[in-house]
Amino acid sequence: MLLALLQTQLLGLTILDRLVLAILLGATVRTAWEIPNGMEPGITFAATPLLELAILLLGAAVELPLLLRAGPSLALGIIALVIISLALGYATARILRLPPRLAALVATGNSICGNSAIAALAPVIGATTAEVTSAIAFTAVLGVGVVLGLPLLIAPLGLSDYQFGVLAGMSVYAVPQVLAATIPVSALAAQVGTLVKLVRVMLLGPVIIAISFVRARRERREGADSGVTSARAAHPTRPLPWFLVGFLGLTALRTGGMIPDPIAGQLASVSGVFTLVAMAGLGLGVDLRELRRAGPRVSFAAALAMLMLVTLGVLSIRMLRIG
């Protein structure tokens, strides 16, 4: 948190957010120092149960009416963009021979909200700490490049401030990064970009739930095809993990007005702290030297997915005649 604050004060913008810094610090410590065995239970607790609790609490910050306020055509465009970019991103990663779980993490991180999406999907698909760290590390670096390079498209594409806000909201990973890309352009671009980005973030829950159902069906099918009678085949992964049930419950309460704004804000803050600790826990479980093997393929897959996302965003603006 201190490094994030210093970065903002010195540079005037957020390039690497707290989650990225936490996981990089954790991985650096793991690489430079042999972690005592007595610390492993705490690291495991931070990286799994605490992360799941953070996802649950995040439901209190979701406002479904926000999707309607974005306008029907724009909202439908954002939903279509997320679905198409997910499919293309996953297919691209698999073509590059990334493992299925890592491919899913990269595609989801690119399509929805970067680090938070990767962290939320990881426990649902049983991703390893190395896979999570790889996906976050390389998408984070790419996210910085998008923040710096996206404004360069304004003149060649003839984008208005409103259109650029839509494009930034559709393609940039995190809300702070959206602000970093749009505030130098105009206040209108920043407001529109934030709104579009928040609509994308709201799709995290439905996407995670859909992937959970697909994974459960696949496990049942594989168990039936192989005739396996193990506990895993007989009792496949539940379609809705406990923390997603809690996420949906808090989202419903928030939408129904039963969670006041001050309490929702406090729960979101607690969720942010828990997620931050969880990222440090994930980082502490990975030796950076292990990432070099998957590095080129992961970075190439993330770069292609981001290029497709920006292209789809521009096409959406043109086709829907936004702005």
C-alpha atoms as a PDB file:
ATOM      1  CA  MET A   1       0.000   0.000   0.000  1.00  0.00           C
ATOM      2  CA  LEU A   2       2.902   2.317   0.768  1.00  0.00           C
ATOM      3  CA  LEU A   3       4.530   1.612  -2.590  1.00  0.00           C
ATOM      4  CA  ALA A   4       1.233   2.282  -4.371  1.00  0.00           C
ATOM      5  CA  LEU A   5       0.903   5.594  -2.527  1.00  0.00           C
ATOM      6  CA  LEU A   6       4.483   6.599  -3.342  1.00  0.00           C
ATOM      7  CA  GLN A   7       3.925   5.693  -6.993  1.00  0.00           C
ATOM      8  CA  THR A   8       0.856   7.919  -7.191  1.00  0.00           C
ATOM      9  CA  GLN A   9       2.574  10.794  -5.419  1.00  0.00           C
ATOM     10  CA  LEU A  10       5.733  10.651  -7.525  1.00  0.00           C
ATOM     11  CA  LEU A  11       4.256   9.800 -10.939  1.00  0.00           C
ATOM     12  CA  GLY A  12       0.824  11.346 -10.622  1.00  0.00           C
ATOM     13  CA  LEU A  13      -0.900   8.173 -11.838  1.00  0.00           C
ATOM     14  CA  THR A  14      -1.372   4.510 -10.939  1.00  0.00           C
ATOM     15  CA  ILE A  15       0.661   2.230 -13.186  1.00  0.00           C
ATOM     16  CA  LEU A  16       0.919  -0.873 -10.978  1.00  0.00           C
ATOM     17  CA  ASP A  17      -1.991  -1.206  -8.558  1.00  0.00           C
ATOM     18  CA  ARG A  18      -1.721  -2.607  -5.040  1.00  0.00           C
ATOM     19  CA  LEU A  19      -2.663  -6.155  -6.043  1.00  0.00           C
ATOM     20  CA  VAL A  20       0.157  -6.381  -8.574  1.00  0.00           C
ATOM     21  CA  LEU A  21       2.664  -4.895  -6.140  1.00  0.00           C
ATOM     22  CA  ALA A  22       1.593  -7.342  -3.419  1.00  0.00           C
ATOM     23  CA  ILE A  23       1.996 -10.405  -5.596  1.00  0.00           C
ATOM     24  CA  LEU A  24       5.330  -9.202  -6.990  1.00  0.00           C
ATOM     25  CA  LEU A  25       6.640  -8.505  -3.477  1.00  0.00           C
ATOM     26  CA  GLY A  26       5.530 -11.938  -2.319  1.00  0.00           C
ATOM     27  CA  ALA A  27       7.123 -13.673  -5.301  1.00  0.00           C
ATOM     28  CA  THR A  28      10.345 -11.693  -4.819  1.00  0.00           C
ATOM     29  CA  VAL A  29      10.556 -12.776  -1.175  1.00  0.00           C
ATOM     30  CA  ARG A  30       9.897 -16.400  -2.162  1.00  0.00           C
ATOM     31  CA  THR A  31      12.630 -16.263  -4.803  1.00  0.00           C
ATOM     32  CA  ALA A  32      15.242 -14.635  -2.572  1.00  0.00           C
ATOM     33  CA  TRP A  33      14.518 -16.448   0.697  1.00  0.00           C
ATOM     34  CA  GLU A  34      13.723 -20.024   1.673  1.00  0.00           C
ATOM     35  CA  ILE A  35      10.354 -19.802   3.424  1.00  0.00           C
ATOM     36  CA  PRO A  36      10.258 -21.787   6.704  1.00  0.00           C
ATOM     37  CA  ASN A  37       7.792 -24.687   6.692  1.00  0.00           C
ATOM     38  CA  GLY A  38       6.019 -23.209   9.700  1.00  0.00           C
ATOM     39  CA  MET A  39       4.829 -20.286   7.565  1.00  0.00           C
ATOM     40  CA  GLU A  40       3.236 -22.409   4.834  1.00  0.00           C
ATOM     41  CA  PRO A  41      -0.161 -22.838   6.593  1.00  0.00           C
ATOM     42  CA  GLY A  42      -0.530 -19.065   6.875  1.00  0.00           C
ATOM     43  CA  ILE A  43       0.426 -18.566   3.236  1.00  0.00           C
ATOM     44  CA  THR A  44      -2.106 -21.218   2.171  1.00  0.00           C
ATOM     45  CA  PHE A  45      -4.825 -19.627   4.310  1.00  0.00           C
ATOM     46  CA  ALA A  46      -4.173 -16.191   2.804  1.00  0.00           C
ATOM     47  CA  ALA A  47      -4.139 -17.487  -0.766  1.00  0.00           C
ATOM     48  CA  THR A  48      -7.339 -19.569  -0.584  1.00  0.00           C
ATOM     49  CA  PRO A  49      -9.960 -19.122   2.203  1.00  0.00           C
ATOM     50  CA  LEU A  50      -9.186 -15.435   2.661  1.00  0.00           C
ATOM     51  CA  LEU A  51      -9.420 -14.828  -1.083  1.00  0.00           C
ATOM     52  CA  GLU A  52     -12.760 -16.635  -1.248  1.00  0.00           C
ATOM     53  CA  LEU A  53     -14.087 -14.494   1.616  1.00  0.00           C
ATOM     54  CA  ALA A  54     -12.904 -11.369  -0.211  1.00  0.00           C
ATOM     55  CA  ILE A  55     -14.875 -12.412  -3.300  1.00  0.00           C
ATOM     56  CA  LEU A  56     -17.979 -12.980  -1.168  1.00  0.00           C
ATOM     57  CA  LEU A  57     -17.772  -9.504   0.395  1.00  0.00           C
ATOM     58  CA  LEU A  58     -17.295  -7.933  -3.019  1.00  0.00           C
ATOM     59  CA  GLY A  59     -20.940  -8.724  -3.773  1.00  0.00           C
ATOM     60  CA  ALA A  60     -22.008  -5.888  -1.471  1.00  0.00           C
ATOM     61  CA  ALA A  61     -20.403  -3.359  -3.805  1.00  0.00           C
ATOM     62  CA  VAL A  62     -22.241  -4.496  -6.961  1.00  0.00           C
ATOM     63  CA  GLU A  63     -25.172  -2.363  -8.135  1.00  0.00           C
ATOM     64  CA  LEU A  64     -27.181  -4.068 -10.874  1.00  0.00           C
ATOM     65  CA  PRO A  65     -29.165  -0.900 -11.794  1.00  0.00           C
ATOM     66  CA  LEU A  66     -25.869   0.544 -13.020  1.00  0.00           C
ATOM     67  CA  LEU A  67     -26.113  -1.770 -16.019  1.00  0.00           C
ATOM     68  CA  LEU A  68     -29.426  -0.190 -17.009  1.00  0.00           C
ATOM     69  CA  ARG A  69     -28.143   3.351 -16.567  1.00  0.00           C
ATOM     70  CA  ALA A  70     -25.461   2.685 -19.193  1.00  0.00           C
ATOM     71  CA  GLY A  71     -28.182   2.452 -21.834  1.00  0.00           C
ATOM     72  CA  PRO A  72     -29.494  -0.705 -23.549  1.00  0.00           C
ATOM     73  CA  SER A  73     -27.360  -0.590 -26.693  1.00  0.00           C
ATOM     74  CA  LEU A  74     -24.148   0.188 -24.843  1.00  0.00           C
ATOM     75  CA  ALA A  75     -24.871  -2.402 -22.155  1.00  0.00           C
ATOM     76  CA  LEU A  76     -25.601  -5.094 -24.743  1.00  0.00           C
ATOM     77  CA  GLY A  77     -22.455  -4.096 -26.615  1.00  0.00           C
ATOM     78  CA  ILE A  78     -20.347  -4.496 -23.463  1.00  0.00           C
ATOM     79  CA  ILE A  79     -21.879  -7.911 -22.717  1.00  0.00           C
ATOM     80  CA  ALA A  80     -21.272  -9.096 -26.290  1.00  0.00           C
ATOM     81  CA  LEU A  81     -17.714  -7.760 -26.176  1.00  0.00           C
ATOM     82  CA  VAL A  82     -16.930  -9.673 -22.983  1.00  0.00           C
ATOM     83  CA  ILE A  83     -18.378 -12.939 -24.333  1.00  0.00           C
ATOM     84  CA  ILE A  84     -16.575 -12.703 -27.680  1.00  0.00           C
ATOM     85  CA  SER A  85     -13.253 -11.644 -26.149  1.00  0.00           C
ATOM     86  CA  LEU A  86     -13.473 -14.488 -23.627  1.00  0.00           C
ATOM     87  CA  ALA A  87     -13.969 -17.042 -26.386  1.00  0.00           C
ATOM     88  CA  LEU A  88     -11.287 -15.617 -28.674  1.00  0.00           C
ATOM     89  CA  GLY A  89      -8.833 -15.096 -25.810  1.00  0.00           C
ATOM     90  CA  TYR A  90      -9.214 -18.667 -24.575  1.00  0.00           C
ATOM     91  CA  ALA A  91      -8.930 -20.106 -28.095  1.00  0.00           C
ATOM     92  CA  THR A  92      -5.790 -18.044 -28.764  1.00  0.00           C
ATOM     93  CA  ALA A  93      -4.162 -19.164 -25.523  1.00  0.00           C
ATOM     94  CA  ARG A  94      -4.926 -22.816 -26.260  1.00  0.00           C
ATOM     95  CA  ILE A  95      -3.538 -22.484 -29.794  1.00  0.00           C
ATOM     96  CA  LEU A  96      -0.341 -21.243 -28.156  1.00  0.00           C
ATOM     97  CA  ARG A  97      -0.436 -24.426 -26.049  1.00  0.00           C
ATOM     98  CA  LEU A  98      -1.118 -22.847 -22.693  1.00  0.00           C
ATOM     99  CA  PRO A  99      -2.698 -25.266 -20.173  1.00  0.00           C
ATOM    100  CA  PRO A 100      -6.512 -24.970 -19.994  1.00  0.00           C
ATOM    101  CA  ARG A 101      -6.582 -23.338 -16.555  1.00  0.00           C
ATOM    102  CA  LEU A 102      -3.913 -20.785 -17.430  1.00  0.00           C
ATOM    103  CA  ALA A 103      -5.672 -20.063 -20.717  1.00  0.00           C
ATOM    104  CA  ALA A 104      -8.920 -19.433 -18.819  1.00  0.00           C
ATOM    105  CA  LEU A 105      -7.172 -17.084 -16.378  1.00  0.00           C
ATOM    106  CA  VAL A 106      -5.538 -15.034 -19.142  1.00  0.00           C
ATOM    107  CA  ALA A 107      -8.762 -14.809 -21.165  1.00  0.00           C
ATOM    108  CA  THR A 108     -10.872 -13.819 -18.160  1.00  0.00           C
ATOM    109  CA  GLY A 109      -8.335 -11.284 -16.922  1.00  0.00           C
ATOM    110  CA  ASN A 110      -8.226  -9.604 -20.331  1.00  0.00           C
ATOM    111  CA  SER A 111     -11.967  -9.636 -20.884  1.00  0.00           C
ATOM    112  CA  ILE A 112     -13.296  -8.399 -17.537  1.00  0.00           C
ATOM    113  CA  CYS A 113     -11.147  -6.731 -14.910  1.00  0.00           C
ATOM    114  CA  GLY A 114      -7.599  -8.033 -14.917  1.00  0.00           C
ATOM    115  CA  ASN A 115      -6.198  -9.071 -11.548  1.00  0.00           C
ATOM    116  CA  SER A 116      -9.524  -9.214  -9.699  1.00  0.00           C
ATOM    117  CA  ALA A 117     -11.044 -11.491 -12.336  1.00  0.00           C
ATOM    118  CA  ILE A 118      -8.015 -13.781 -12.292  1.00  0.00           C
ATOM    119  CA  ALA A 119      -8.097 -13.947  -8.496  1.00  0.00           C
ATOM    120  CA  ALA A 120     -11.840 -14.675  -8.456  1.00  0.00           C
ATOM    121  CA  LEU A 121     -11.655 -17.409 -11.105  1.00  0.00           C
ATOM    122  CA  ALA A 122      -8.601 -19.183  -9.662  1.00  0.00           C
ATOM    123  CA  PRO A 123     -10.319 -21.048  -6.776  1.00  0.00           C
ATOM    124  CA  VAL A 124     -13.265 -21.994  -9.001  1.00  0.00           C
ATOM    125  CA  ILE A 125     -11.121 -23.816 -11.569  1.00  0.00           C
ATOM    126  CA  GLY A 126      -8.483 -25.045  -9.107  1.00  0.00           C
ATOM    127  CA  ALA A 127      -5.647 -22.994 -10.620  1.00  0.00           C
ATOM    128  CA  THR A 128      -2.197 -23.344  -9.059  1.00  0.00           C
ATOM    129  CA  THR A 129      -0.358 -20.418  -7.505  1.00  0.00           C
ATOM    130  CA  ALA A 130       2.153 -20.525 -10.374  1.00  0.00           C
ATOM    131  CA  GLU A 131      -0.651 -20.210 -12.941  1.00  0.00           C
ATOM    132  CA  VAL A 132      -2.259 -17.310 -11.060  1.00  0.00           C
ATOM    133  CA  THR A 133       1.049 -15.512 -10.672  1.00  0.00           C
ATOM    134  CA  SER A 134       1.906 -15.972 -14.353  1.00  0.00           C
ATOM    135  CA  ALA A 135      -1.446 -14.629 -15.504  1.00  0.00           C
ATOM    136  CA  ILE A 136      -1.371 -11.617 -13.167  1.00  0.00           C
ATOM    137  CA  ALA A 137       2.269 -10.740 -13.792  1.00  0.00           C
ATOM    138  CA  PHE A 138       2.057 -10.665 -17.576  1.00  0.00           C
ATOM    139  CA  THR A 139      -1.395  -9.071 -17.838  1.00  0.00           C
ATOM    140  CA  ALA A 140      -0.201  -6.386 -15.393  1.00  0.00           C
ATOM    141  CA  VAL A 141       2.740  -5.471 -17.584  1.00  0.00           C
ATOM    142  CA  LEU A 142       0.486  -5.429 -20.634  1.00  0.00           C
ATOM    143  CA  GLY A 143      -2.046  -3.274 -18.767  1.00  0.00           C
ATOM    144  CA  VAL A 144       0.573  -0.589 -18.226  1.00  0.00           C
ATOM    145  CA  GLY A 145       1.322  -0.557 -21.946  1.00  0.00           C
ATOM    146  CA  VAL A 146      -2.375  -0.153 -22.780  1.00  0.00           C
ATOM    147  CA  VAL A 147      -2.747   2.793 -20.374  1.00  0.00           C
ATOM    148  CA  LEU A 148       0.182   4.571 -22.003  1.00  0.00           C
ATOM    149  CA  GLY A 149      -0.601   3.633 -25.606  1.00  0.00           C
ATOM    150  CA  LEU A 150      -4.384   3.854 -25.846  1.00  0.00           C
ATOM    151  CA  PRO A 151      -4.547   7.693 -25.965  1.00  0.00           C
ATOM    152  CA  LEU A 152      -2.331   7.550 -29.060  1.00  0.00           C
ATOM    153  CA  LEU A 153      -5.305   6.072 -30.968  1.00  0.00           C
ATOM    154  CA  ILE A 154      -7.508   9.149 -30.487  1.00  0.00           C
ATOM    155  CA  ALA A 155      -6.177  11.115 -33.460  1.00  0.00           C
ATOM    156  CA  PRO A 156      -5.757   8.251 -35.996  1.00  0.00           C
ATOM    157  CA  LEU A 157      -9.247   6.897 -35.261  1.00  0.00           C
ATOM    158  CA  GLY A 158     -10.871  10.316 -34.917  1.00  0.00           C
ATOM    159  CA  LEU A 159     -12.395   9.447 -31.525  1.00  0.00           C
ATOM    160  CA  SER A 160     -14.404  11.964 -29.551  1.00  0.00           C
ATOM    161  CA  ASP A 161     -13.837  12.239 -25.791  1.00  0.00           C
ATOM    162  CA  TYR A 162     -17.011  10.211 -25.207  1.00  0.00           C
ATOM    163  CA  GLN A 163     -15.925   7.496 -27.630  1.00  0.00           C
ATOM    164  CA  PHE A 164     -12.464   7.318 -26.106  1.00  0.00           C
ATOM    165  CA  GLY A 165     -14.037   6.919 -22.666  1.00  0.00           C
ATOM    166  CA  VAL A 166     -16.079   3.993 -23.980  1.00  0.00           C
ATOM    167  CA  LEU A 167     -13.002   2.415 -25.589  1.00  0.00           C
ATOM    168  CA  ALA A 168     -10.934   2.800 -22.415  1.00  0.00           C
ATOM    169  CA  GLY A 169     -13.727   1.333 -20.291  1.00  0.00           C
ATOM    170  CA  MET A 170     -14.040  -1.615 -22.677  1.00  0.00           C
ATOM    171  CA  SER A 171     -10.345  -2.445 -22.884  1.00  0.00           C
ATOM    172  CA  VAL A 172      -8.361  -1.230 -19.842  1.00  0.00           C
ATOM    173  CA  TYR A 173      -8.051  -3.685 -16.942  1.00  0.00           C
ATOM    174  CA  ALA A 174      -8.646  -1.848 -13.656  1.00  0.00           C
ATOM    175  CA  VAL A 175     -10.670   1.233 -12.688  1.00  0.00           C
ATOM    176  CA  PRO A 176      -7.564   3.170 -11.541  1.00  0.00           C
ATOM    177  CA  GLN A 177      -5.928   2.402 -14.876  1.00  0.00           C
ATOM    178  CA  VAL A 178      -9.044   3.618 -16.701  1.00  0.00           C
ATOM    179  CA  LEU A 179      -8.737   6.889 -14.815  1.00  0.00           C
ATOM    180  CA  ALA A 180      -5.016   7.080 -15.601  1.00  0.00           C
ATOM    181  CA  ALA A 181      -5.784   6.694 -19.314  1.00  0.00           C
ATOM    182  CA  THR A 182      -8.779   9.036 -19.481  1.00  0.00           C
ATOM    183  CA  ILE A 183      -8.225  11.890 -17.008  1.00  0.00           C
ATOM    184  CA  PRO A 184      -5.455  13.449 -19.156  1.00  0.00           C
ATOM    185  CA  VAL A 185      -7.951  13.502 -22.057  1.00  0.00           C
ATOM    186  CA  SER A 186     -11.003  15.053 -20.352  1.00  0.00           C
ATOM    187  CA  ALA A 187     -13.408  14.778 -17.430  1.00  0.00           C
ATOM    188  CA  LEU A 188     -16.077  13.407 -19.800  1.00  0.00           C
ATOM    189  CA  ALA A 189     -13.776  10.622 -20.984  1.00  0.00           C
ATOM    190  CA  ALA A 190     -13.003   9.724 -17.362  1.00  0.00           C
ATOM    191  CA  GLN A 191     -16.678   9.612 -16.339  1.00  0.00           C
ATOM    192  CA  VAL A 192     -17.761   7.533 -19.340  1.00  0.00           C
ATOM    193  CA  GLY A 193     -14.746   5.222 -19.058  1.00  0.00           C
ATOM    194  CA  THR A 194     -15.420   4.561 -15.381  1.00  0.00           C
ATOM    195  CA  LEU A 195     -19.091   3.791 -16.012  1.00  0.00           C
ATOM    196  CA  VAL A 196     -18.324   1.354 -18.848  1.00  0.00           C
ATOM    197  CA  LYS A 197     -15.576  -0.274 -16.806  1.00  0.00           C
ATOM    198  CA  LEU A 198     -17.897  -0.775 -13.822  1.00  0.00           C
ATOM    199  CA  VAL A 199     -20.433  -2.466 -16.090  1.00  0.00           C
ATOM    200  CA  ARG A 200     -17.677  -4.850 -17.215  1.00  0.00           C
ATOM    201  CA  VAL A 201     -16.784  -5.532 -13.584  1.00  0.00           C
ATOM    202  CA  MET A 202     -20.423  -6.383 -12.864  1.00  0.00           C
ATOM    203  CA  LEU A 203     -20.201  -9.219 -15.390  1.00  0.00           C
ATOM    204  CA  LEU A 204     -17.547 -10.944 -13.258  1.00  0.00           C
ATOM    205  CA  GLY A 205     -20.121 -12.798 -11.152  1.00  0.00           C
ATOM    206  CA  PRO A 206     -22.151 -14.207 -14.083  1.00  0.00           C
ATOM    207  CA  VAL A 207     -18.992 -15.226 -15.954  1.00  0.00           C
ATOM    208  CA  ILE A 208     -17.495 -17.019 -12.939  1.00  0.00           C
ATOM    209  CA  ILE A 209     -20.789 -18.809 -12.300  1.00  0.00           C
ATOM    210  CA  ALA A 210     -21.065 -19.867 -15.960  1.00  0.00           C
ATOM    211  CA  ILE A 211     -17.499 -21.241 -15.941  1.00  0.00           C
ATOM    212  CA  SER A 212     -18.270 -23.078 -12.697  1.00  0.00           C
ATOM    213  CA  PHE A 213     -21.287 -24.789 -14.285  1.00  0.00           C
ATOM    214  CA  VAL A 214     -19.275 -25.725 -17.402  1.00  0.00           C
ATOM    215  CA  ARG A 215     -16.508 -27.206 -15.259  1.00  0.00           C
ATOM    216  CA  ALA A 216     -19.010 -29.235 -13.210  1.00  0.00           C
ATOM    217  CA  ARG A 217     -20.618 -30.624 -16.364  1.00  0.00           C
ATOM    218  CA  ARG A 218     -17.245 -31.541 -17.818  1.00  0.00           C
ATOM    219  CA  GLU A 219     -16.260 -33.400 -14.655  1.00  0.00           C
ATOM    220  CA  ARG A 220     -19.522 -35.350 -14.691  1.00  0.00           C
ATOM    221  CA  ARG A 221     -19.092 -36.204 -18.360  1.00  0.00           C
ATOM    222  CA  GLU A 222     -15.465 -37.265 -17.940  1.00  0.00           C
ATOM    223  CA  GLY A 223     -16.402 -39.384 -14.943  1.00  0.00           C
ATOM    224  CA  ALA A 224     -19.171 -41.083 -16.912  1.00  0.00           C
ATOM    225  CA  ASP A 225     -16.984 -41.655 -19.994  1.00  0.00           C
ATOM    226  CA  SER A 226     -14.150 -43.199 -17.996  1.00  0.00           C
ATOM    227  CA  GLY A 227     -16.384 -45.167 -15.632  1.00  0.00           C
ATOM    228  CA  VAL A 228     -14.537 -43.650 -12.688  1.00  0.00           C
ATOM    229  CA  THR A 229     -16.232 -44.256  -9.350  1.00  0.00           C
ATOM    230  CA  SER A 230     -13.905 -42.185  -7.213  1.00  0.00           C
ATOM    231  CA  ALA A 231     -15.237 -39.559  -4.839  1.00  0.00           C
ATOM    232  CA  ARG A 232     -14.303 -36.837  -7.317  1.00  0.00           C
ATOM    233  CA  ALA A 233     -16.269 -38.435 -10.140  1.00  0.00           C
ATOM    234  CA  ALA A 234     -19.209 -39.415  -7.924  1.00  0.00           C
ATOM    235  CA  HIS A 235     -19.390 -35.953  -6.393  1.00  0.00           C
ATOM    236  CA  PRO A 236     -18.092 -33.493  -8.964  1.00  0.00           C
ATOM    237  CA  THR A 237     -17.371 -29.876  -8.218  1.00  0.00           C
ATOM    238  CA  ARG A 238     -20.495 -28.088  -7.019  1.00  0.00           C
ATOM    239  CA  PRO A 239     -21.847 -25.688  -9.638  1.00  0.00           C
ATOM    240  CA  LEU A 240     -21.821 -22.818  -7.135  1.00  0.00           C
ATOM    241  CA  PRO A 241     -18.997 -22.672  -4.572  1.00  0.00           C
ATOM    242  CA  TRP A 242     -19.951 -21.228  -1.188  1.00  0.00           C
ATOM    243  CA  PHE A 243     -18.300 -17.887  -1.790  1.00  0.00           C
ATOM    244  CA  LEU A 244     -20.193 -17.370  -5.065  1.00  0.00           C
ATOM    245  CA  VAL A 245     -23.473 -18.144  -3.297  1.00  0.00           C
ATOM    246  CA  GLY A 246     -22.523 -15.500  -0.742  1.00  0.00           C
ATOM    247  CA  PHE A 247     -21.528 -13.091  -3.521  1.00  0.00           C
ATOM    248  CA  LEU A 248     -24.939 -13.468  -5.170  1.00  0.00           C
ATOM    249  CA  GLY A 249     -26.705 -13.106  -1.831  1.00  0.00           C
ATOM    250  CA  LEU A 250     -24.968  -9.842  -0.983  1.00  0.00           C
ATOM    251  CA  THR A 251     -25.545  -8.577  -4.533  1.00  0.00           C
ATOM    252  CA  ALA A 252     -29.277  -9.256  -4.158  1.00  0.00           C
ATOM    253  CA  LEU A 253     -29.367  -7.512  -0.783  1.00  0.00           C
ATOM    254  CA  ARG A 254     -27.479  -4.532  -2.197  1.00  0.00           C
ATOM    255  CA  THR A 255     -29.778  -4.301  -5.218  1.00  0.00           C
ATOM    256  CA  GLY A 256     -32.832  -4.524  -2.941  1.00  0.00           C
ATOM    257  CA  GLY A 257     -31.600  -1.606  -0.886  1.00  0.00           C
ATOM    258  CA  MET A 258     -31.055  -3.683   2.256  1.00  0.00           C
ATOM    259  CA  ILE A 259     -27.342  -2.818   2.442  1.00  0.00           C
ATOM    260  CA  PRO A 260     -26.900   0.958   2.900  1.00  0.00           C
ATOM    261  CA  ASP A 261     -24.161   2.795   1.010  1.00  0.00           C
ATOM    262  CA  PRO A 262     -21.897   3.294   4.078  1.00  0.00           C
ATOM    263  CA  ILE A 263     -21.976  -0.412   4.985  1.00  0.00           C
ATOM    264  CA  ALA A 264     -21.468  -1.444   1.352  1.00  0.00           C
ATOM    265  CA  GLY A 265     -18.434   0.823   1.199  1.00  0.00           C
ATOM    266  CA  GLN A 266     -16.998  -0.664   4.392  1.00  0.00           C
ATOM    267  CA  LEU A 267     -17.523  -4.231   3.157  1.00  0.00           C
ATOM    268  CA  ALA A 268     -15.853  -3.335  -0.150  1.00  0.00           C
ATOM    269  CA  SER A 269     -12.886  -1.893   1.757  1.00  0.00           C
ATOM    270  CA  VAL A 270     -12.548  -5.058   3.846  1.00  0.00           C
ATOM    271  CA  SER A 271     -12.764  -7.119   0.658  1.00  0.00           C
ATOM    272  CA  GLY A 272      -9.969  -5.010  -0.825  1.00  0.00           C
ATOM    273  CA  VAL A 273      -7.697  -5.599   2.169  1.00  0.00           C
ATOM    274  CA  PHE A 274      -8.386  -9.344   2.163  1.00  0.00           C
ATOM    275  CA  THR A 275      -7.680  -9.516  -1.577  1.00  0.00           C
ATOM    276  CA  LEU A 276      -4.436  -7.621  -1.065  1.00  0.00           C
ATOM    277  CA  VAL A 277      -3.277 -10.109   1.591  1.00  0.00           C
ATOM    278  CA  ALA A 278      -4.389 -12.989  -0.639  1.00  0.00           C
ATOM    279  CA  MET A 279      -2.261 -11.677  -3.498  1.00  0.00           C
ATOM    280  CA  ALA A 280       0.757 -11.564  -1.201  1.00  0.00           C
ATOM    281  CA  GLY A 281      -0.036 -15.146  -0.192  1.00  0.00           C
ATOM    282  CA  LEU A 282      -0.203 -16.224  -3.817  1.00  0.00           C
ATOM    283  CA  GLY A 283       3.090 -14.482  -4.521  1.00  0.00           C
ATOM    284  CA  LEU A 284       4.762 -16.184  -1.585  1.00  0.00           C
ATOM    285  CA  GLY A 285       3.862 -19.524  -3.127  1.00  0.00           C
ATOM    286  CA  VAL A 286       5.736 -18.952  -6.391  1.00  0.00           C
ATOM    287  CA  ASP A 287       9.397 -18.804  -7.302  1.00  0.00           C
ATOM    288  CA  LEU A 288       9.849 -16.185 -10.043  1.00  0.00           C
ATOM    289  CA  ARG A 289      12.426 -18.413 -11.721  1.00  0.00           C
ATOM    290  CA  GLU A 290       9.648 -20.905 -12.462  1.00  0.00           C
ATOM    291  CA  LEU A 291       7.783 -18.333 -14.561  1.00  0.00           C
ATOM    292  CA  ARG A 292      10.490 -18.094 -17.205  1.00  0.00           C
ATOM    293  CA  ARG A 293       9.370 -21.322 -18.834  1.00  0.00           C
ATOM    294  CA  ALA A 294       5.820 -20.118 -19.514  1.00  0.00           C
ATOM    295  CA  GLY A 295       6.748 -16.457 -19.907  1.00  0.00           C
ATOM    296  CA  PRO A 296       6.916 -15.981 -23.700  1.00  0.00           C
ATOM    297  CA  ARG A 297       3.750 -17.935 -24.426  1.00  0.00           C
ATOM    298  CA  VAL A 298       1.742 -16.275 -21.636  1.00  0.00           C
ATOM    299  CA  SER A 299       2.841 -12.785 -22.611  1.00  0.00           C
ATOM    300  CA  PHE A 300       2.137 -13.445 -26.312  1.00  0.00           C
ATOM    301  CA  ALA A 301      -1.315 -14.864 -25.524  1.00  0.00           C
ATOM    302  CA  ALA A 302      -2.138 -11.889 -23.282  1.00  0.00           C
ATOM    303  CA  ALA A 303      -0.912  -9.426 -25.918  1.00  0.00           C
ATOM    304  CA  LEU A 304      -3.004 -11.017 -28.677  1.00  0.00           C
ATOM    305  CA  ALA A 305      -6.065 -11.116 -26.419  1.00  0.00           C
ATOM    306  CA  MET A 306      -5.637  -7.430 -25.573  1.00  0.00           C
ATOM    307  CA  LEU A 307      -5.197  -6.508 -29.249  1.00  0.00           C
ATOM    308  CA  MET A 308      -8.417  -8.335 -30.077  1.00  0.00           C
ATOM    309  CA  LEU A 309     -10.198  -6.598 -27.184  1.00  0.00           C
ATOM    310  CA  VAL A 310      -9.189  -3.122 -28.364  1.00  0.00           C
ATOM    311  CA  THR A 311     -10.175  -4.012 -31.944  1.00  0.00           C
ATOM    312  CA  LEU A 312     -13.555  -5.306 -30.794  1.00  0.00           C
ATOM    313  CA  GLY A 313     -14.032  -2.150 -28.737  1.00  0.00           C
ATOM    314  CA  VAL A 314     -13.421   0.089 -31.755  1.00  0.00           C
ATOM    315  CA  LEU A 315     -15.750  -2.026 -33.923  1.00  0.00           C
ATOM    316  CA  SER A 316     -18.448  -1.841 -31.237  1.00  0.00           C
ATOM    317  CA  ILE A 317     -18.221   1.954 -31.135  1.00  0.00           C
ATOM    318  CA  ARG A 318     -18.547   2.131 -34.922  1.00  0.00           C
ATOM    319  CA  MET A 319     -21.329  -0.450 -35.245  1.00  0.00           C
ATOM    320  CA  LEU A 320     -23.427   0.914 -32.375  1.00  0.00           C
ATOM    321  CA  ARG A 321     -22.702   4.509 -33.466  1.00  0.00           C
ATOM    322  CA  ILE A 322     -21.732   5.474 -29.948  1.00  0.00           C
ATOM    323  CA  GLY A 323     -20.933   9.106 -29.293  1.00  0.00           C
END
